[in-house]
Protein backbone atom coordinates (compact mmCIF):
# COMPACT_ATOMS: atom_id res chain seq x y z
CA MET A 1 -48.29 234.60 -99.05
CA PHE A 2 -47.46 238.16 -99.50
CA ARG A 3 -47.67 240.09 -96.19
CA HIS A 4 -48.19 243.84 -95.69
CA ARG A 5 -47.48 246.13 -92.79
CA ASN A 6 -48.70 249.64 -92.17
CA ARG A 7 -46.49 252.06 -93.93
CA GLY A 8 -46.14 254.85 -91.56
CA SER A 9 -47.33 257.70 -93.77
CA SER A 10 -47.80 260.96 -91.99
CA GLY A 11 -51.34 261.27 -93.44
CA LYS A 12 -54.37 260.82 -91.21
CA ARG A 13 -56.12 258.26 -93.44
CA SER A 14 -56.70 254.77 -92.19
CA PRO A 15 -54.55 251.83 -93.60
CA TYR A 16 -57.76 250.56 -95.22
CA ARG A 17 -58.38 253.81 -97.05
CA ARG A 18 -54.76 253.92 -98.25
CA ARG A 19 -55.21 250.51 -99.62
CA ASN A 20 -58.28 251.56 -101.62
CA ILE A 21 -56.01 252.62 -104.61
CA VAL A 22 -57.35 251.28 -107.81
CA LEU A 23 -56.71 251.55 -111.48
CA SER A 24 -54.36 254.04 -112.96
CA LEU A 25 -54.91 256.56 -115.76
CA LEU A 26 -54.61 253.62 -118.11
CA ALA A 27 -58.36 253.08 -117.73
CA ALA A 28 -59.21 256.50 -119.05
CA LEU A 29 -56.32 256.39 -121.59
CA VAL A 30 -57.61 253.15 -122.98
CA VAL A 31 -60.99 254.77 -123.60
CA LEU A 32 -59.36 257.61 -125.42
CA LEU A 33 -57.28 255.24 -127.56
CA MET A 34 -60.28 253.18 -128.51
CA LEU A 35 -62.12 256.38 -129.49
CA GLY A 36 -59.29 256.95 -131.99
CA ALA A 37 -59.38 253.31 -133.08
CA GLY A 38 -63.10 253.48 -133.65
CA GLY A 39 -62.60 256.46 -135.98
CA VAL A 40 -64.24 258.99 -133.71
CA TRP A 41 -62.35 262.27 -134.21
CA TRP A 42 -64.85 264.93 -133.70
CA GLY A 43 -64.80 266.81 -130.36
CA THR A 44 -61.51 265.37 -129.19
CA ASN A 45 -59.94 268.81 -129.07
CA HIS A 46 -62.81 270.15 -127.04
CA TYR A 47 -62.72 267.27 -124.47
CA ALA A 48 -58.85 267.38 -124.37
CA GLY A 49 -59.16 270.97 -123.15
CA GLN A 50 -61.21 269.84 -120.22
CA VAL A 51 -58.55 267.41 -118.93
CA PRO A 52 -56.81 269.03 -116.03
CA ARG A 53 -53.05 269.56 -116.38
CA ILE A 54 -50.67 269.01 -113.61
CA ALA A 55 -48.02 271.78 -113.45
CA GLY A 56 -44.40 270.64 -112.94
CA ALA A 57 -45.24 266.99 -113.12
CA LEU A 58 -42.19 266.07 -115.16
CA PRO A 59 -38.69 266.35 -113.56
CA SER A 60 -36.77 269.55 -114.16
CA LEU A 61 -33.53 267.72 -114.51
CA PRO A 62 -31.21 268.52 -117.42
CA ALA A 63 -31.64 266.16 -120.37
CA SER A 64 -28.20 264.68 -119.67
CA GLN A 65 -29.41 263.44 -116.29
CA ARG A 66 -32.35 261.56 -117.68
CA PRO A 67 -32.44 258.34 -119.81
CA ALA A 68 -32.20 258.84 -123.55
CA LYS A 69 -34.49 257.08 -125.87
CA PRO A 70 -32.98 254.12 -127.77
CA PRO A 71 -31.86 254.89 -131.34
CA GLY A 72 -34.78 254.78 -133.76
CA GLU A 73 -37.37 255.20 -130.89
CA THR A 74 -37.92 259.01 -131.08
CA LYS A 75 -41.55 258.59 -132.12
CA SER A 76 -42.46 256.02 -129.45
CA MET A 77 -44.05 257.17 -126.19
CA THR A 78 -43.99 256.10 -122.58
CA PHE A 79 -46.45 257.14 -119.96
CA LEU A 80 -46.04 256.65 -116.16
CA LEU A 81 -49.60 256.04 -114.92
CA VAL A 82 -50.62 256.07 -111.20
CA GLY A 83 -53.89 255.39 -109.38
CA LEU A 84 -54.71 257.06 -106.16
CA ASP A 85 -57.81 257.93 -104.14
CA SER A 86 -56.49 260.68 -101.83
CA ARG A 87 -58.13 263.47 -103.85
CA SER A 88 -61.49 261.92 -103.15
CA ASP A 89 -60.85 262.38 -99.42
CA LEU A 90 -60.65 266.14 -99.92
CA PRO A 91 -63.50 268.57 -100.47
CA THR A 92 -64.34 269.00 -104.18
CA THR A 93 -66.96 270.69 -106.25
CA GLY A 94 -68.25 267.56 -108.01
CA ASN A 95 -64.95 266.99 -110.04
CA ALA A 96 -62.46 264.83 -108.23
CA ALA A 97 -59.78 265.56 -110.70
CA LYS A 98 -59.85 269.22 -109.66
CA ALA A 99 -58.85 268.50 -106.00
CA PRO A 100 -55.17 268.72 -105.04
CA LEU A 101 -53.20 265.78 -106.44
CA TRP A 102 -50.37 265.66 -103.90
CA VAL A 103 -49.70 266.79 -100.35
CA TYR A 104 -46.24 266.07 -98.89
CA GLY A 105 -46.25 262.91 -96.82
CA ALA A 106 -50.02 262.25 -97.14
CA GLN A 107 -50.24 260.11 -100.23
CA ARG A 108 -48.72 257.04 -101.76
CA THR A 109 -49.70 255.45 -105.01
CA ASP A 110 -50.42 251.69 -104.84
CA THR A 111 -50.86 251.38 -108.58
CA ILE A 112 -47.81 252.08 -110.72
CA MET A 113 -47.71 251.22 -114.46
CA LEU A 114 -45.52 251.98 -117.44
CA LEU A 115 -47.42 252.27 -120.70
CA HIS A 116 -45.20 252.12 -123.80
CA LEU A 117 -46.67 252.92 -127.21
CA THR A 118 -44.51 251.75 -130.03
CA ALA A 119 -43.26 254.12 -132.69
CA ASP A 120 -45.77 252.91 -135.27
CA MET A 121 -48.66 253.21 -132.71
CA LYS A 122 -49.85 249.72 -133.47
CA SER A 123 -48.75 248.00 -130.23
CA ALA A 124 -48.63 248.78 -126.60
CA TYR A 125 -47.06 247.29 -123.53
CA VAL A 126 -48.34 247.75 -119.99
CA VAL A 127 -45.86 246.86 -117.20
CA SER A 128 -47.02 247.00 -113.61
CA ILE A 129 -44.40 247.76 -110.91
CA PRO A 130 -45.33 246.34 -107.47
CA ARG A 131 -45.79 249.06 -104.95
CA ASP A 132 -43.47 247.41 -102.42
CA THR A 133 -40.50 247.02 -104.77
CA TRP A 134 -37.42 248.24 -102.88
CA VAL A 135 -35.51 250.85 -104.90
CA ALA A 136 -33.19 253.84 -104.53
CA ILE A 137 -35.19 257.04 -104.32
CA PRO A 138 -33.06 260.07 -105.29
CA GLY A 139 -32.22 262.26 -102.24
CA HIS A 140 -33.93 259.79 -99.78
CA GLY A 141 -31.87 256.63 -99.75
CA SER A 142 -33.70 253.34 -100.41
CA ALA A 143 -37.39 252.55 -99.74
CA LYS A 144 -40.49 251.06 -101.30
CA ILE A 145 -41.07 252.68 -104.67
CA ASN A 146 -44.52 254.06 -103.71
CA ALA A 147 -42.88 256.22 -101.03
CA ALA A 148 -41.38 258.42 -103.83
CA PHE A 149 -44.77 259.92 -104.58
CA SER A 150 -45.34 260.66 -100.90
CA TRP A 151 -41.99 262.45 -100.59
CA GLY A 152 -41.79 264.25 -103.83
CA GLY A 153 -44.99 263.90 -105.91
CA PRO A 154 -44.94 263.10 -109.63
CA PRO A 155 -41.46 264.57 -110.40
CA LEU A 156 -39.70 262.42 -107.80
CA LEU A 157 -41.72 259.27 -108.77
CA ILE A 158 -40.77 259.81 -112.39
CA GLU A 159 -37.13 260.38 -111.49
CA THR A 160 -37.14 257.22 -109.38
CA VAL A 161 -38.71 255.06 -112.13
CA GLU A 162 -36.32 256.42 -114.76
CA GLN A 163 -33.33 255.74 -112.49
CA PHE A 164 -34.67 252.25 -111.61
CA THR A 165 -35.62 251.17 -115.11
CA GLY A 166 -33.54 253.28 -117.53
CA VAL A 167 -36.76 254.02 -119.47
CA ARG A 168 -37.40 257.57 -120.47
CA VAL A 169 -40.89 258.72 -119.22
CA ASP A 170 -42.53 261.15 -121.65
CA HIS A 171 -45.70 261.82 -119.85
CA PHE A 172 -47.43 261.35 -116.54
CA GLY A 173 -51.04 260.68 -115.65
CA ALA A 174 -53.30 260.01 -112.65
CA ILE A 175 -56.84 258.97 -111.96
CA ASP A 176 -58.62 258.54 -108.68
CA TRP A 177 -61.02 255.83 -107.68
CA SER A 178 -64.30 257.83 -108.10
CA GLY A 179 -63.21 258.62 -111.61
CA PHE A 180 -62.51 254.88 -112.27
CA GLN A 181 -66.10 254.15 -111.17
CA SER A 182 -67.52 256.72 -113.50
CA LEU A 183 -65.53 255.41 -116.47
CA THR A 184 -66.81 251.93 -115.86
CA ASP A 185 -70.42 253.09 -115.77
CA ALA A 186 -69.92 255.27 -118.83
CA VAL A 187 -69.35 252.20 -120.92
CA GLY A 188 -72.29 250.40 -119.53
CA GLY A 189 -70.32 248.10 -117.25
CA VAL A 190 -67.65 245.56 -117.95
CA THR A 191 -67.93 241.76 -118.06
CA ILE A 192 -65.43 239.76 -115.93
CA THR A 193 -65.24 236.00 -115.27
CA VAL A 194 -64.11 235.00 -111.69
CA PRO A 195 -62.72 231.46 -111.94
CA ASN A 196 -62.38 230.84 -108.17
CA ASN A 197 -64.34 231.46 -105.09
CA SER A 198 -62.76 233.90 -102.61
CA TYR A 199 -63.68 235.99 -99.60
CA ASP A 200 -62.38 239.52 -98.99
CA PRO A 201 -62.44 240.15 -95.20
CA GLN A 202 -61.58 243.85 -95.65
CA GLN A 203 -64.56 244.46 -97.81
CA ASN A 204 -66.63 241.62 -96.39
CA ARG A 205 -67.37 240.42 -99.84
CA HIS A 206 -67.73 236.88 -101.20
CA TRP A 207 -66.82 236.20 -104.81
CA THR A 208 -68.21 233.00 -106.24
CA THR A 209 -67.16 231.42 -109.51
CA GLY A 210 -69.03 232.91 -112.42
CA THR A 211 -69.26 235.71 -114.95
CA TYR A 212 -70.27 239.17 -113.78
CA THR A 213 -71.27 242.34 -115.60
CA MET A 214 -69.74 244.89 -113.17
CA ASN A 215 -70.76 248.39 -112.69
CA GLY A 216 -68.39 250.86 -111.20
CA THR A 217 -68.96 249.97 -107.60
CA THR A 218 -68.54 246.24 -108.20
CA ALA A 219 -65.56 246.78 -110.41
CA LEU A 220 -63.90 248.78 -107.67
CA ALA A 221 -64.32 245.99 -105.23
CA TYR A 222 -62.91 243.50 -107.75
CA VAL A 223 -59.76 245.49 -108.59
CA ARG A 224 -58.95 246.47 -104.98
CA GLN A 225 -59.12 243.03 -103.37
CA ARG A 226 -55.86 241.53 -102.16
CA TYR A 227 -56.96 239.77 -98.92
CA GLY A 228 -58.34 236.36 -99.60
CA LEU A 229 -56.16 235.98 -102.68
CA PRO A 230 -53.24 233.59 -102.61
CA ASN A 231 -50.65 236.08 -103.71
CA GLY A 232 -52.13 239.23 -102.14
CA ASP A 233 -51.04 242.37 -103.93
CA LEU A 234 -49.60 240.43 -106.86
CA ASP A 235 -52.97 238.90 -107.58
CA ARG A 236 -54.47 242.31 -107.25
CA ILE A 237 -52.16 243.65 -110.00
CA ALA A 238 -53.32 240.71 -112.23
CA ARG A 239 -56.90 241.65 -111.51
CA GLN A 240 -56.37 245.33 -112.41
CA GLN A 241 -54.75 244.38 -115.72
CA ASN A 242 -57.51 241.80 -116.43
CA PHE A 243 -60.11 244.54 -115.90
CA LEU A 244 -58.24 246.91 -118.26
CA ARG A 245 -58.16 244.18 -120.86
CA ALA A 246 -61.87 243.64 -120.64
CA LEU A 247 -62.60 247.42 -120.51
CA MET A 248 -60.58 247.95 -123.77
CA SER A 249 -62.59 245.22 -125.47
CA LYS A 250 -65.96 246.65 -124.25
CA THR A 251 -65.00 250.18 -125.26
CA SER A 252 -63.95 248.99 -128.80
CA ASP A 253 -67.42 247.40 -129.21
CA GLN A 254 -69.39 250.25 -127.91
CA VAL A 255 -67.84 253.45 -129.10
CA SER A 256 -68.66 254.37 -132.69
CA LEU A 257 -70.14 257.06 -134.73
CA THR A 258 -73.47 255.33 -134.55
CA ASN A 259 -73.53 255.89 -130.79
CA LEU A 260 -72.85 259.55 -130.31
CA LEU A 261 -74.55 259.68 -126.97
CA GLY A 262 -72.30 256.98 -125.69
CA VAL A 263 -69.23 258.68 -127.09
CA SER A 264 -70.17 261.95 -125.37
CA ARG A 265 -70.78 260.23 -122.09
CA VAL A 266 -67.41 258.42 -122.23
CA LEU A 267 -65.50 261.48 -123.19
CA ASP A 268 -67.16 263.50 -120.38
CA ALA A 269 -66.34 260.80 -117.80
CA VAL A 270 -62.67 260.82 -119.00
CA SER A 271 -62.27 264.53 -118.88
CA LYS A 272 -63.65 264.70 -115.31
CA ALA A 273 -61.56 261.86 -113.89
CA VAL A 274 -58.11 262.28 -115.51
CA SER A 275 -55.18 264.51 -114.84
CA VAL A 276 -52.04 264.59 -117.13
CA ASP A 277 -48.82 266.53 -117.12
CA ASP A 278 -48.86 270.13 -118.52
CA GLN A 279 -46.48 269.17 -121.32
CA LEU A 280 -49.21 267.14 -123.03
CA SER A 281 -50.99 269.82 -124.95
CA ASN A 282 -54.52 269.58 -126.42
CA THR A 283 -53.01 269.09 -129.90
CA ALA A 284 -50.68 266.35 -128.68
CA LEU A 285 -53.50 264.54 -126.79
CA ARG A 286 -55.74 264.82 -129.92
CA ASP A 287 -53.03 263.58 -132.23
CA LEU A 288 -52.23 260.69 -129.93
CA VAL A 289 -55.90 259.56 -129.92
CA LEU A 290 -56.28 259.83 -133.68
CA GLY A 291 -52.84 258.31 -134.40
CA LEU A 292 -53.78 255.10 -132.60
CA HIS A 293 -56.38 253.94 -135.13
CA GLY A 294 -54.51 250.66 -135.59
CA LEU A 295 -54.35 249.73 -131.93
CA GLY A 296 -56.87 247.07 -130.85
CA SER A 297 -57.27 245.11 -127.61
CA GLY A 298 -55.30 242.22 -129.13
CA ASN A 299 -52.28 244.45 -129.71
CA VAL A 300 -51.85 245.38 -126.00
CA THR A 301 -49.54 243.17 -123.94
CA TYR A 302 -50.00 243.20 -120.15
CA LEU A 303 -47.26 242.06 -117.78
CA SER A 304 -45.75 242.61 -114.37
CA ALA A 305 -42.04 243.22 -113.56
CA PRO A 306 -40.58 239.82 -112.78
CA LEU A 307 -40.24 239.11 -109.06
CA GLY A 308 -36.93 238.34 -107.30
CA ARG A 309 -37.57 237.61 -103.69
CA PHE A 310 -39.38 238.90 -100.68
CA VAL A 311 -37.32 240.70 -97.99
CA THR A 312 -37.65 242.39 -94.69
CA ILE A 313 -35.72 245.65 -94.52
CA ASP A 314 -35.84 247.87 -91.42
CA GLY A 315 -38.91 246.02 -90.30
CA GLN A 316 -40.75 246.52 -93.60
CA ASP A 317 -41.93 243.72 -95.87
CA ALA A 318 -40.59 244.46 -99.35
CA LEU A 319 -39.66 242.69 -102.54
CA THR A 320 -36.92 242.84 -105.10
CA LEU A 321 -37.08 242.13 -108.88
CA ASP A 322 -35.40 239.50 -110.75
CA PRO A 323 -31.79 240.73 -111.32
CA ASN A 324 -31.43 238.52 -114.45
CA SER A 325 -34.48 239.21 -116.50
CA THR A 326 -35.70 242.58 -115.35
CA PRO A 327 -32.99 244.84 -116.88
CA ALA A 328 -33.57 243.16 -120.23
CA LEU A 329 -37.36 243.62 -119.80
CA TRP A 330 -36.94 247.43 -119.49
CA GLN A 331 -34.77 247.53 -122.67
CA ALA A 332 -37.40 245.29 -124.52
CA VAL A 333 -40.17 247.51 -123.52
CA SER A 334 -38.54 250.79 -124.49
CA THR A 335 -37.52 249.37 -127.87
CA GLY A 336 -40.84 247.48 -128.56
CA HIS A 337 -38.97 244.15 -128.65
CA LEU A 338 -40.90 242.26 -126.08
CA PRO A 339 -41.47 239.07 -128.12
CA ALA A 340 -37.70 238.44 -128.12
CA TRP A 341 -37.63 238.92 -124.31
CA THR A 342 -40.45 236.43 -123.74
CA GLU A 343 -38.75 233.96 -126.03
CA LYS A 344 -35.58 234.07 -123.88
CA TYR A 345 -37.12 234.47 -120.34
CA GLY A 346 -40.51 232.81 -120.71
CA THR A 347 -44.10 234.11 -120.31
CA SER A 348 -44.45 233.87 -116.44
CA ALA A 349 -44.57 237.68 -116.23
CA LEU A 350 -47.36 238.03 -118.79
CA LEU A 351 -50.98 238.32 -117.74
CA PRO A 352 -52.57 234.84 -118.05
CA ALA A 353 -55.72 234.23 -119.89
CA THR A 354 -57.47 233.29 -116.59
CA VAL A 355 -57.11 235.58 -113.60
CA ARG A 356 -58.26 234.81 -110.03
């Protein structure tokens, strides 16, 4: 079973609070994408203007020091998405996304995902990178990948991911846990089937086999559980992606021009929960939403970076990724050729139909 030790952050939050990291910006972005897919174009510019921008989120490195996009992929787009709850620990004025995103040494992100949109905007790939993956962090030696955010905020995390994967990151986004709850409630809850009984001692919550319509509070408990699951954090990653899959399907069913109140409610929740880099303009965000009219829930592939082995380094439990299949995975994702990768390496990294 995957084991975890306290991470020694300089922040004052308890280990339990640090573990309450949930879904990334993908939850909100999925909602926006499905608005475009449903043909809802009115008001997107207005709501895009309400989404907070993160100044200096992208690395300031020269282009020559960042990965180049593969030939023919200039129109594809890759987001680095993170989930964190630290802003919700700080005083706000009713809008969690307005509180400071990053304070040196105080925050680590436990949810890290790459979202790649293909050039034709008809397919998407979501790849989760386990938080305890041991990597080189520029200027800091080697450590768990989530330490990069603690030490250098979004720019250092992006630089680390780009160096680690060779994938060019076009944009960055973050969402906190209270925003995730609001998004879930905005679509009227999400239906999830739990196939196995489990008990989460940290949350003192029993899950029994069955199908649940989860509101924001229940969904948060579902996606943040790792204790009581056979593979700990790895099962939690699968739960997060499973929830995203269900959220996308639910949003597709609900959001339409015949439900204008619902559309307004969802857009309002998104704009209050999400932060994106300051290079993503209102026009670019609007065009992205409207350009994804052909993207449906069946065209999104969810997977996790293939595991290598568990290791203990300097007293820390960490993991490595499969040195054989992982480099090819990054190349497959950045070029939109994932089917060829799964044909060669199998489907074990893909999100299964049934998730614990």
